[in-house]
Amino acid sequence: MQREELADFLRRRREAIRPADVGISDGPRRRTAGLRREEVAMLAGMSVDYVVRLEQGRSSQPSTQLIVALARALRLSDDERDHLFHLAGHRPPPADGVARLARAGLMRLLDLLGDTPALVLSDLGEVLAQNRASLLLMSDLTGFSGDRRYIVYRWFTEPAARAIGPAEEEEYYGRQLVADLRAVAGRRAGDPTVGGLVGRLSAESALFRRLWAEHEVAVRRADRKTFLHPRVGRVLMDCETLVTPDQGQQLLVLTPADAEARERLELLRVLGSEEFPTGATGR
């Protein structure tokens, strides 16, 4: 671990970020260049004291989880993120995305989308990052581990995961998930991660086995989905999926499909302001 270099890099990156870049108002009394330490701590989900100790070169070695959180909070590029790993004494994640880090460019797009719900997902459907609007609509989907990281796994094995939408759409959505997984399995033939996931799903879900046997293949790009929100009711959203050139990650953007959906999203933003601090963008 290179403490002095790590401290200098973190401090300079913090000072280089405009508050507006991460959804924080400048405010009338701001004197600090860039972000304040407490704002970095809020965005990264760690204590202010730890951020201070990191910048002063007197911290213990940060874990890879903390490095990932800092990289997201500071909106580091992929190269900068790898440099941060090196300074902290860790090996950077592989470029193929196995370490499940949202790409820097997609993170910036999340910031730019503002009040439009959006998520970054891996090709297997693990949610890597969400913006605040997405958190309000769908709750935090980034904290799962094991097979539960994957939306397709939770959907076929946990009834609560299917309750986010109406019962009459379950068959249609299940087919979409399976067809998309088929496409991934074709692109990543021989990948034990994909094969293992398919095998465990086949063992645990009769519905998955039936749909998988039909061999439907389709990459999700545009769709319409109904959300049943516990506070505002039915919200009909149009879903647009933007895929990276290597098809390893996706940016899912959700826009209201009608006037009623727009009104309910606006109500959700008002209700959510009571629960989320200003500038929180979600991790």
C-alpha atoms as a PDB file:
ATOM      1  CA  MET A   1       0.000   0.000   0.000  1.00  0.00           C
ATOM      2  CA  GLN A   2       1.368   3.423  -1.009  1.00  0.00           C
ATOM      3  CA  ARG A   3      -0.157   5.611   1.682  1.00  0.00           C
ATOM      4  CA  GLU A   4       1.207   9.010   0.693  1.00  0.00           C
ATOM      5  CA  GLU A   5       0.463   8.555  -2.997  1.00  0.00           C
ATOM      6  CA  LEU A   6      -3.008   7.197  -2.184  1.00  0.00           C
ATOM      7  CA  ALA A   7      -3.731  10.181   0.056  1.00  0.00           C
ATOM      8  CA  ASP A   8      -2.582  12.671  -2.597  1.00  0.00           C
ATOM      9  CA  PHE A   9      -4.551  10.980  -5.378  1.00  0.00           C
ATOM     10  CA  LEU A  10      -7.788  10.862  -3.379  1.00  0.00           C
ATOM     11  CA  ARG A  11      -7.452  14.491  -2.298  1.00  0.00           C
ATOM     12  CA  ARG A  12      -6.756  15.737  -5.821  1.00  0.00           C
ATOM     13  CA  ARG A  13      -9.614  13.747  -7.332  1.00  0.00           C
ATOM     14  CA  ARG A  14     -12.014  15.032  -4.672  1.00  0.00           C
ATOM     15  CA  GLU A  15     -10.985  18.636  -5.340  1.00  0.00           C
ATOM     16  CA  ALA A  16     -11.375  18.158  -9.108  1.00  0.00           C
ATOM     17  CA  ILE A  17     -15.056  17.149  -9.003  1.00  0.00           C
ATOM     18  CA  ARG A  18     -17.764  19.771  -9.245  1.00  0.00           C
ATOM     19  CA  PRO A  19     -20.634  19.138  -6.818  1.00  0.00           C
ATOM     20  CA  ALA A  20     -23.118  19.377  -9.685  1.00  0.00           C
ATOM     21  CA  ASP A  21     -21.378  16.428 -11.372  1.00  0.00           C
ATOM     22  CA  VAL A  22     -22.641  14.151  -8.596  1.00  0.00           C
ATOM     23  CA  GLY A  23     -26.033  15.777  -8.019  1.00  0.00           C
ATOM     24  CA  ILE A  24     -25.045  18.066  -5.128  1.00  0.00           C
ATOM     25  CA  SER A  25     -25.975  21.740  -4.996  1.00  0.00           C
ATOM     26  CA  ASP A  26     -23.078  24.209  -4.706  1.00  0.00           C
ATOM     27  CA  GLY A  27     -24.898  26.202  -2.033  1.00  0.00           C
ATOM     28  CA  PRO A  28     -24.180  29.827  -1.112  1.00  0.00           C
ATOM     29  CA  ARG A  29     -21.413  29.171   1.452  1.00  0.00           C
ATOM     30  CA  ARG A  30     -19.206  26.676  -0.363  1.00  0.00           C
ATOM     31  CA  ARG A  31     -15.540  27.551  -0.032  1.00  0.00           C
ATOM     32  CA  THR A  32     -13.980  24.132  -0.604  1.00  0.00           C
ATOM     33  CA  ALA A  33     -12.690  23.339  -4.085  1.00  0.00           C
ATOM     34  CA  GLY A  34     -14.605  20.365  -5.425  1.00  0.00           C
ATOM     35  CA  LEU A  35     -16.367  18.071  -2.981  1.00  0.00           C
ATOM     36  CA  ARG A  36     -16.199  18.233   0.784  1.00  0.00           C
ATOM     37  CA  ARG A  37     -14.909  15.187   2.634  1.00  0.00           C
ATOM     38  CA  GLU A  38     -18.315  14.599   4.199  1.00  0.00           C
ATOM     39  CA  GLU A  39     -19.875  14.574   0.724  1.00  0.00           C
ATOM     40  CA  VAL A  40     -17.411  11.927  -0.455  1.00  0.00           C
ATOM     41  CA  ALA A  41     -18.204   9.921   2.673  1.00  0.00           C
ATOM     42  CA  MET A  42     -21.938  10.173   1.983  1.00  0.00           C
ATOM     43  CA  LEU A  43     -21.576   9.128  -1.660  1.00  0.00           C
ATOM     44  CA  ALA A  44     -19.250   6.248  -0.788  1.00  0.00           C
ATOM     45  CA  GLY A  45     -21.257   5.053   2.222  1.00  0.00           C
ATOM     46  CA  MET A  46     -18.383   5.310   4.714  1.00  0.00           C
ATOM     47  CA  SER A  47     -17.500   7.450   7.718  1.00  0.00           C
ATOM     48  CA  VAL A  48     -16.100  10.964   7.353  1.00  0.00           C
ATOM     49  CA  ASP A  49     -13.350  10.031   9.804  1.00  0.00           C
ATOM     50  CA  TYR A  50     -12.144   7.250   7.508  1.00  0.00           C
ATOM     51  CA  VAL A  51     -12.076   9.568   4.487  1.00  0.00           C
ATOM     52  CA  VAL A  52     -10.031  12.062   6.524  1.00  0.00           C
ATOM     53  CA  ARG A  53      -7.562   9.354   7.597  1.00  0.00           C
ATOM     54  CA  LEU A  54      -7.200   8.139   3.999  1.00  0.00           C
ATOM     55  CA  GLU A  55      -6.398  11.650   2.789  1.00  0.00           C
ATOM     56  CA  GLN A  56      -3.921  12.156   5.622  1.00  0.00           C
ATOM     57  CA  GLY A  57      -2.089   8.904   4.865  1.00  0.00           C
ATOM     58  CA  ARG A  58      -2.758   7.321   8.248  1.00  0.00           C
ATOM     59  CA  SER A  59      -5.469   4.778   7.479  1.00  0.00           C
ATOM     60  CA  SER A  60      -5.333   1.021   7.475  1.00  0.00           C
ATOM     61  CA  GLN A  61      -5.391  -0.670   4.078  1.00  0.00           C
ATOM     62  CA  PRO A  62      -8.854  -0.140   2.555  1.00  0.00           C
ATOM     63  CA  SER A  63     -10.699  -3.238   1.392  1.00  0.00           C
ATOM     64  CA  THR A  64     -11.550  -3.784  -2.260  1.00  0.00           C
ATOM     65  CA  GLN A  65     -15.181  -2.981  -1.406  1.00  0.00           C
ATOM     66  CA  LEU A  66     -14.161   0.420  -0.062  1.00  0.00           C
ATOM     67  CA  ILE A  67     -11.978   1.057  -3.109  1.00  0.00           C
ATOM     68  CA  VAL A  68     -14.942   0.315  -5.375  1.00  0.00           C
ATOM     69  CA  ALA A  69     -17.146   2.661  -3.336  1.00  0.00           C
ATOM     70  CA  LEU A  70     -14.558   5.456  -3.511  1.00  0.00           C
ATOM     71  CA  ALA A  71     -14.084   4.972  -7.246  1.00  0.00           C
ATOM     72  CA  ARG A  72     -17.822   5.364  -7.767  1.00  0.00           C
ATOM     73  CA  ALA A  73     -18.110   8.359  -5.448  1.00  0.00           C
ATOM     74  CA  LEU A  74     -15.214  10.144  -7.164  1.00  0.00           C
ATOM     75  CA  ARG A  75     -16.422   9.178 -10.663  1.00  0.00           C
ATOM     76  CA  LEU A  76     -13.045   7.743 -11.608  1.00  0.00           C
ATOM     77  CA  SER A  77     -12.330   6.585 -15.123  1.00  0.00           C
ATOM     78  CA  ASP A  78     -11.455   2.916 -15.631  1.00  0.00           C
ATOM     79  CA  ASP A  79      -7.731   3.771 -15.717  1.00  0.00           C
ATOM     80  CA  GLU A  80      -8.006   5.935 -12.599  1.00  0.00           C
ATOM     81  CA  ARG A  81      -9.911   3.188 -10.811  1.00  0.00           C
ATOM     82  CA  ASP A  82      -7.184   0.656 -11.632  1.00  0.00           C
ATOM     83  CA  HIS A  83      -4.565   3.133 -10.380  1.00  0.00           C
ATOM     84  CA  LEU A  84      -6.500   3.475  -7.129  1.00  0.00           C
ATOM     85  CA  PHE A  85      -6.430  -0.299  -6.691  1.00  0.00           C
ATOM     86  CA  HIS A  86      -2.655  -0.326  -7.201  1.00  0.00           C
ATOM     87  CA  LEU A  87      -2.083   2.486  -4.698  1.00  0.00           C
ATOM     88  CA  ALA A  88      -4.187   0.647  -2.120  1.00  0.00           C
ATOM     89  CA  GLY A  89      -2.149  -2.526  -2.607  1.00  0.00           C
ATOM     90  CA  HIS A  90      -4.783  -4.534  -4.467  1.00  0.00           C
ATOM     91  CA  ARG A  91      -4.873  -6.121  -7.905  1.00  0.00           C
ATOM     92  CA  PRO A  92      -7.281  -4.242 -10.214  1.00  0.00           C
ATOM     93  CA  PRO A  93     -10.374  -6.117 -11.386  1.00  0.00           C
ATOM     94  CA  PRO A  94     -10.095  -7.929 -14.726  1.00  0.00           C
ATOM     95  CA  ALA A  95     -11.187  -6.011 -17.792  1.00  0.00           C
ATOM     96  CA  ASP A  96     -13.888  -8.576 -18.621  1.00  0.00           C
ATOM     97  CA  GLY A  97     -16.101  -7.244 -15.821  1.00  0.00           C
ATOM     98  CA  VAL A  98     -15.995 -10.393 -13.694  1.00  0.00           C
ATOM     99  CA  ALA A  99     -15.324  -8.188 -10.664  1.00  0.00           C
ATOM    100  CA  ARG A 100     -18.699  -6.550 -11.276  1.00  0.00           C
ATOM    101  CA  LEU A 101     -17.749  -2.881 -11.438  1.00  0.00           C
ATOM    102  CA  ALA A 102     -19.879  -0.483 -13.430  1.00  0.00           C
ATOM    103  CA  ARG A 103     -17.896   1.244 -16.148  1.00  0.00           C
ATOM    104  CA  ALA A 104     -16.967   4.849 -15.509  1.00  0.00           C
ATOM    105  CA  GLY A 105     -18.749   6.122 -18.619  1.00  0.00           C
ATOM    106  CA  LEU A 106     -21.984   4.441 -17.615  1.00  0.00           C
ATOM    107  CA  MET A 107     -21.704   5.905 -14.120  1.00  0.00           C
ATOM    108  CA  ARG A 108     -21.469   9.382 -15.637  1.00  0.00           C
ATOM    109  CA  LEU A 109     -24.575   8.703 -17.696  1.00  0.00           C
ATOM    110  CA  LEU A 110     -26.419   7.742 -14.501  1.00  0.00           C
ATOM    111  CA  ASP A 111     -25.556  11.157 -13.084  1.00  0.00           C
ATOM    112  CA  LEU A 112     -26.696  12.959 -16.228  1.00  0.00           C
ATOM    113  CA  LEU A 113     -30.065  11.185 -16.271  1.00  0.00           C
ATOM    114  CA  GLY A 114     -31.062  12.920 -13.022  1.00  0.00           C
ATOM    115  CA  ASP A 115     -34.716  12.219 -12.220  1.00  0.00           C
ATOM    116  CA  THR A 116     -34.998   9.496 -14.871  1.00  0.00           C
ATOM    117  CA  PRO A 117     -34.712   6.017 -13.305  1.00  0.00           C
ATOM    118  CA  ALA A 118     -31.680   4.180 -14.658  1.00  0.00           C
ATOM    119  CA  LEU A 119     -29.487   1.195 -13.766  1.00  0.00           C
ATOM    120  CA  VAL A 120     -26.222  -0.348 -14.908  1.00  0.00           C
ATOM    121  CA  LEU A 121     -26.377  -4.146 -15.221  1.00  0.00           C
ATOM    122  CA  SER A 122     -23.978  -6.890 -16.172  1.00  0.00           C
ATOM    123  CA  ASP A 123     -24.905  -9.098 -19.111  1.00  0.00           C
ATOM    124  CA  LEU A 124     -26.127 -11.697 -16.582  1.00  0.00           C
ATOM    125  CA  GLY A 125     -28.499  -9.197 -15.017  1.00  0.00           C
ATOM    126  CA  GLU A 126     -26.623  -8.200 -11.880  1.00  0.00           C
ATOM    127  CA  VAL A 127     -27.390  -4.596 -10.926  1.00  0.00           C
ATOM    128  CA  LEU A 128     -24.006  -2.841 -10.656  1.00  0.00           C
ATOM    129  CA  ALA A 129     -25.214   0.702  -9.988  1.00  0.00           C
ATOM    130  CA  GLN A 130     -28.437   2.704  -9.689  1.00  0.00           C
ATOM    131  CA  ASN A 131     -29.285   6.379  -9.609  1.00  0.00           C
ATOM    132  CA  ARG A 132     -31.544   7.889  -6.968  1.00  0.00           C
ATOM    133  CA  ALA A 133     -34.681   7.775  -9.147  1.00  0.00           C
ATOM    134  CA  SER A 134     -34.161   4.049  -9.693  1.00  0.00           C
ATOM    135  CA  LEU A 135     -33.755   3.490  -5.955  1.00  0.00           C
ATOM    136  CA  LEU A 136     -37.092   5.198  -5.346  1.00  0.00           C
ATOM    137  CA  LEU A 137     -38.867   3.124  -7.974  1.00  0.00           C
ATOM    138  CA  MET A 138     -37.322  -0.296  -7.356  1.00  0.00           C
ATOM    139  CA  SER A 139     -35.403  -0.043  -4.050  1.00  0.00           C
ATOM    140  CA  ASP A 140     -31.707  -0.930  -3.727  1.00  0.00           C
ATOM    141  CA  LEU A 141     -30.870  -3.915  -5.945  1.00  0.00           C
ATOM    142  CA  THR A 142     -27.078  -3.814  -5.531  1.00  0.00           C
ATOM    143  CA  GLY A 143     -26.635  -5.494  -2.160  1.00  0.00           C
ATOM    144  CA  PHE A 144     -27.228  -9.153  -3.020  1.00  0.00           C
ATOM    145  CA  SER A 145     -24.608 -11.896  -2.966  1.00  0.00           C
ATOM    146  CA  GLY A 146     -24.189 -15.344  -4.488  1.00  0.00           C
ATOM    147  CA  ASP A 147     -26.707 -16.321  -7.151  1.00  0.00           C
ATOM    148  CA  ARG A 148     -29.152 -13.794  -5.692  1.00  0.00           C
ATOM    149  CA  ARG A 149     -27.082 -11.092  -7.415  1.00  0.00           C
ATOM    150  CA  TYR A 150     -28.795 -12.036 -10.668  1.00  0.00           C
ATOM    151  CA  ILE A 151     -32.303 -10.762 -11.370  1.00  0.00           C
ATOM    152  CA  VAL A 152     -33.150 -13.924 -13.308  1.00  0.00           C
ATOM    153  CA  TYR A 153     -32.241 -16.115 -10.325  1.00  0.00           C
ATOM    154  CA  ARG A 154     -34.318 -14.136  -7.822  1.00  0.00           C
ATOM    155  CA  TRP A 155     -37.243 -13.955 -10.219  1.00  0.00           C
ATOM    156  CA  PHE A 156     -37.485 -17.739 -10.659  1.00  0.00           C
ATOM    157  CA  THR A 157     -36.709 -18.719  -7.061  1.00  0.00           C
ATOM    158  CA  GLU A 158     -38.267 -15.983  -4.885  1.00  0.00           C
ATOM    159  CA  PRO A 159     -41.978 -15.102  -5.095  1.00  0.00           C
ATOM    160  CA  ALA A 160     -41.293 -11.680  -3.580  1.00  0.00           C
ATOM    161  CA  ALA A 161     -39.104 -10.790  -6.571  1.00  0.00           C
ATOM    162  CA  ARG A 162     -42.022 -11.395  -8.938  1.00  0.00           C
ATOM    163  CA  ALA A 163     -44.385  -9.258  -6.837  1.00  0.00           C
ATOM    164  CA  ILE A 164     -42.835  -6.099  -8.275  1.00  0.00           C
ATOM    165  CA  GLY A 165     -45.108  -6.583 -11.301  1.00  0.00           C
ATOM    166  CA  PRO A 166     -48.678  -7.811 -11.940  1.00  0.00           C
ATOM    167  CA  ALA A 167     -49.360 -11.546 -12.008  1.00  0.00           C
ATOM    168  CA  GLU A 168     -50.690 -11.421 -15.574  1.00  0.00           C
ATOM    169  CA  GLU A 169     -47.271 -10.296 -16.861  1.00  0.00           C
ATOM    170  CA  GLU A 170     -45.238 -13.013 -15.116  1.00  0.00           C
ATOM    171  CA  GLU A 171     -45.154 -15.481 -18.027  1.00  0.00           C
ATOM    172  CA  TYR A 172     -44.154 -12.770 -20.488  1.00  0.00           C
ATOM    173  CA  TYR A 173     -41.395 -11.383 -18.282  1.00  0.00           C
ATOM    174  CA  GLY A 174     -40.105 -14.850 -17.409  1.00  0.00           C
ATOM    175  CA  ARG A 175     -39.763 -15.658 -21.101  1.00  0.00           C
ATOM    176  CA  GLN A 176     -37.833 -12.431 -21.626  1.00  0.00           C
ATOM    177  CA  LEU A 177     -35.383 -13.240 -18.864  1.00  0.00           C
ATOM    178  CA  VAL A 178     -34.787 -16.764 -20.145  1.00  0.00           C
ATOM    179  CA  ALA A 179     -34.418 -15.674 -23.779  1.00  0.00           C
ATOM    180  CA  ASP A 180     -31.895 -13.037 -22.746  1.00  0.00           C
ATOM    181  CA  LEU A 181     -29.946 -15.574 -20.657  1.00  0.00           C
ATOM    182  CA  ARG A 182     -29.941 -17.905 -23.702  1.00  0.00           C
ATOM    183  CA  ALA A 183     -28.305 -15.169 -25.762  1.00  0.00           C
ATOM    184  CA  VAL A 184     -25.647 -14.637 -23.086  1.00  0.00           C
ATOM    185  CA  ALA A 185     -24.992 -18.384 -22.874  1.00  0.00           C
ATOM    186  CA  GLY A 186     -24.436 -18.435 -26.631  1.00  0.00           C
ATOM    187  CA  ARG A 187     -21.967 -15.546 -26.541  1.00  0.00           C
ATOM    188  CA  ARG A 188     -20.126 -16.945 -23.518  1.00  0.00           C
ATOM    189  CA  ALA A 189     -20.132 -20.614 -24.508  1.00  0.00           C
ATOM    190  CA  GLY A 190     -18.143 -22.710 -22.059  1.00  0.00           C
ATOM    191  CA  ASP A 191     -18.142 -20.022 -19.360  1.00  0.00           C
ATOM    192  CA  PRO A 192     -18.560 -21.847 -16.019  1.00  0.00           C
ATOM    193  CA  THR A 193     -20.285 -18.817 -14.451  1.00  0.00           C
ATOM    194  CA  VAL A 194     -23.078 -18.949 -17.007  1.00  0.00           C
ATOM    195  CA  GLY A 195     -23.273 -22.740 -17.078  1.00  0.00           C
ATOM    196  CA  GLY A 196     -23.385 -22.945 -13.301  1.00  0.00           C
ATOM    197  CA  LEU A 197     -26.171 -20.382 -13.087  1.00  0.00           C
ATOM    198  CA  VAL A 198     -28.247 -22.213 -15.693  1.00  0.00           C
ATOM    199  CA  GLY A 199     -27.683 -25.526 -13.916  1.00  0.00           C
ATOM    200  CA  ARG A 200     -28.739 -24.230 -10.512  1.00  0.00           C
ATOM    201  CA  LEU A 201     -31.793 -22.505 -11.926  1.00  0.00           C
ATOM    202  CA  SER A 202     -32.791 -25.712 -13.721  1.00  0.00           C
ATOM    203  CA  ALA A 203     -32.506 -27.631 -10.476  1.00  0.00           C
ATOM    204  CA  GLU A 204     -34.586 -25.158  -8.466  1.00  0.00           C
ATOM    205  CA  SER A 205     -37.334 -23.995 -10.822  1.00  0.00           C
ATOM    206  CA  ALA A 206     -39.670 -26.150 -12.922  1.00  0.00           C
ATOM    207  CA  LEU A 207     -40.846 -23.034 -14.764  1.00  0.00           C
ATOM    208  CA  PHE A 208     -37.282 -22.144 -15.703  1.00  0.00           C
ATOM    209  CA  ARG A 209     -36.662 -25.698 -16.958  1.00  0.00           C
ATOM    210  CA  ARG A 210     -39.747 -25.523 -19.167  1.00  0.00           C
ATOM    211  CA  LEU A 211     -38.890 -22.126 -20.643  1.00  0.00           C
ATOM    212  CA  TRP A 212     -35.211 -23.003 -21.102  1.00  0.00           C
ATOM    213  CA  ALA A 213     -36.178 -26.137 -23.029  1.00  0.00           C
ATOM    214  CA  GLU A 214     -38.094 -24.003 -25.554  1.00  0.00           C
ATOM    215  CA  HIS A 215     -34.778 -22.449 -26.661  1.00  0.00           C
ATOM    216  CA  GLU A 216     -36.073 -18.937 -27.287  1.00  0.00           C
ATOM    217  CA  VAL A 217     -33.331 -16.351 -27.838  1.00  0.00           C
ATOM    218  CA  ALA A 218     -33.733 -12.571 -27.671  1.00  0.00           C
ATOM    219  CA  VAL A 219     -31.597  -9.685 -26.442  1.00  0.00           C
ATOM    220  CA  ARG A 220     -33.692  -7.146 -24.543  1.00  0.00           C
ATOM    221  CA  ARG A 221     -33.428  -3.685 -26.088  1.00  0.00           C
ATOM    222  CA  ALA A 222     -36.801  -1.971 -25.670  1.00  0.00           C
ATOM    223  CA  ASP A 223     -39.843  -2.969 -23.682  1.00  0.00           C
ATOM    224  CA  ARG A 224     -42.736  -1.737 -21.529  1.00  0.00           C
ATOM    225  CA  LYS A 225     -43.038  -2.870 -17.918  1.00  0.00           C
ATOM    226  CA  THR A 226     -45.585  -2.328 -15.145  1.00  0.00           C
ATOM    227  CA  PHE A 227     -44.251  -1.718 -11.636  1.00  0.00           C
ATOM    228  CA  LEU A 228     -46.455  -2.213  -8.587  1.00  0.00           C
ATOM    229  CA  HIS A 229     -45.039   0.250  -6.102  1.00  0.00           C
ATOM    230  CA  PRO A 230     -46.150  -0.090  -2.465  1.00  0.00           C
ATOM    231  CA  ARG A 231     -46.539   3.683  -2.043  1.00  0.00           C
ATOM    232  CA  VAL A 232     -47.814   5.033  -5.370  1.00  0.00           C
ATOM    233  CA  GLY A 233     -49.406   1.981  -7.030  1.00  0.00           C
ATOM    234  CA  ARG A 234     -49.129   1.013 -10.698  1.00  0.00           C
ATOM    235  CA  VAL A 235     -46.428   2.766 -12.713  1.00  0.00           C
ATOM    236  CA  LEU A 236     -46.175   1.961 -16.423  1.00  0.00           C
ATOM    237  CA  MET A 237     -42.634   2.493 -17.724  1.00  0.00           C
ATOM    238  CA  ASP A 238     -40.952   2.256 -21.104  1.00  0.00           C
ATOM    239  CA  CYS A 239     -37.583   0.510 -20.847  1.00  0.00           C
ATOM    240  CA  GLU A 240     -34.700   1.229 -23.202  1.00  0.00           C
ATOM    241  CA  THR A 241     -31.487  -0.813 -22.985  1.00  0.00           C
ATOM    242  CA  LEU A 242     -28.167   0.552 -24.225  1.00  0.00           C
ATOM    243  CA  VAL A 243     -25.440  -2.091 -24.514  1.00  0.00           C
ATOM    244  CA  THR A 244     -21.668  -1.575 -24.426  1.00  0.00           C
ATOM    245  CA  PRO A 245     -19.785  -2.648 -27.587  1.00  0.00           C
ATOM    246  CA  ASP A 246     -18.568  -5.888 -25.989  1.00  0.00           C
ATOM    247  CA  GLN A 247     -22.105  -6.546 -24.654  1.00  0.00           C
ATOM    248  CA  GLY A 248     -20.683  -6.998 -21.157  1.00  0.00           C
ATOM    249  CA  GLN A 249     -22.721  -4.242 -19.490  1.00  0.00           C
ATOM    250  CA  GLN A 250     -26.033  -2.502 -20.106  1.00  0.00           C
ATOM    251  CA  LEU A 251     -27.566   0.836 -19.218  1.00  0.00           C
ATOM    252  CA  LEU A 252     -31.295   0.399 -18.585  1.00  0.00           C
ATOM    253  CA  VAL A 253     -33.249   3.659 -18.781  1.00  0.00           C
ATOM    254  CA  LEU A 254     -36.903   3.817 -17.690  1.00  0.00           C
ATOM    255  CA  THR A 255     -39.234   6.611 -18.776  1.00  0.00           C
ATOM    256  CA  PRO A 256     -42.940   7.047 -17.907  1.00  0.00           C
ATOM    257  CA  ALA A 257     -45.199   5.582 -20.580  1.00  0.00           C
ATOM    258  CA  ASP A 258     -48.169   7.883 -19.923  1.00  0.00           C
ATOM    259  CA  ALA A 259     -49.300  10.958 -17.978  1.00  0.00           C
ATOM    260  CA  GLU A 260     -50.403   8.901 -14.990  1.00  0.00           C
ATOM    261  CA  ALA A 261     -46.964   7.313 -14.716  1.00  0.00           C
ATOM    262  CA  ARG A 262     -45.325  10.754 -14.864  1.00  0.00           C
ATOM    263  CA  GLU A 263     -47.535  11.982 -12.032  1.00  0.00           C
ATOM    264  CA  ARG A 264     -46.775   8.959  -9.885  1.00  0.00           C
ATOM    265  CA  LEU A 265     -43.042   9.276 -10.472  1.00  0.00           C
ATOM    266  CA  GLU A 266     -43.236  12.900  -9.421  1.00  0.00           C
ATOM    267  CA  LEU A 267     -45.130  11.903  -6.275  1.00  0.00           C
ATOM    268  CA  LEU A 268     -42.462   9.299  -5.601  1.00  0.00           C
ATOM    269  CA  ARG A 269     -39.749  11.954  -5.850  1.00  0.00           C
ATOM    270  CA  VAL A 270     -41.604  14.124  -3.330  1.00  0.00           C
ATOM    271  CA  LEU A 271     -42.074  11.222  -0.931  1.00  0.00           C
ATOM    272  CA  GLY A 272     -38.474  10.132  -1.419  1.00  0.00           C
ATOM    273  CA  SER A 273     -37.084  13.549  -0.492  1.00  0.00           C
ATOM    274  CA  GLU A 274     -38.045  12.730   3.084  1.00  0.00           C
ATOM    275  CA  GLU A 275     -35.885   9.589   3.061  1.00  0.00           C
ATOM    276  CA  PHE A 276     -32.797  10.404   0.949  1.00  0.00           C
ATOM    277  CA  PRO A 277     -30.266  13.165   1.713  1.00  0.00           C
ATOM    278  CA  THR A 278     -29.734  15.797  -0.959  1.00  0.00           C
ATOM    279  CA  GLY A 279     -27.188  14.602  -3.468  1.00  0.00           C
ATOM    280  CA  ALA A 280     -27.507  10.876  -2.715  1.00  0.00           C
ATOM    281  CA  THR A 281     -27.286   9.043  -5.992  1.00  0.00           C
ATOM    282  CA  GLY A 282     -27.184   5.444  -4.876  1.00  0.00           C
ATOM    283  CA  ARG A 283     -24.406   2.923  -5.276  1.00  0.00           C
END
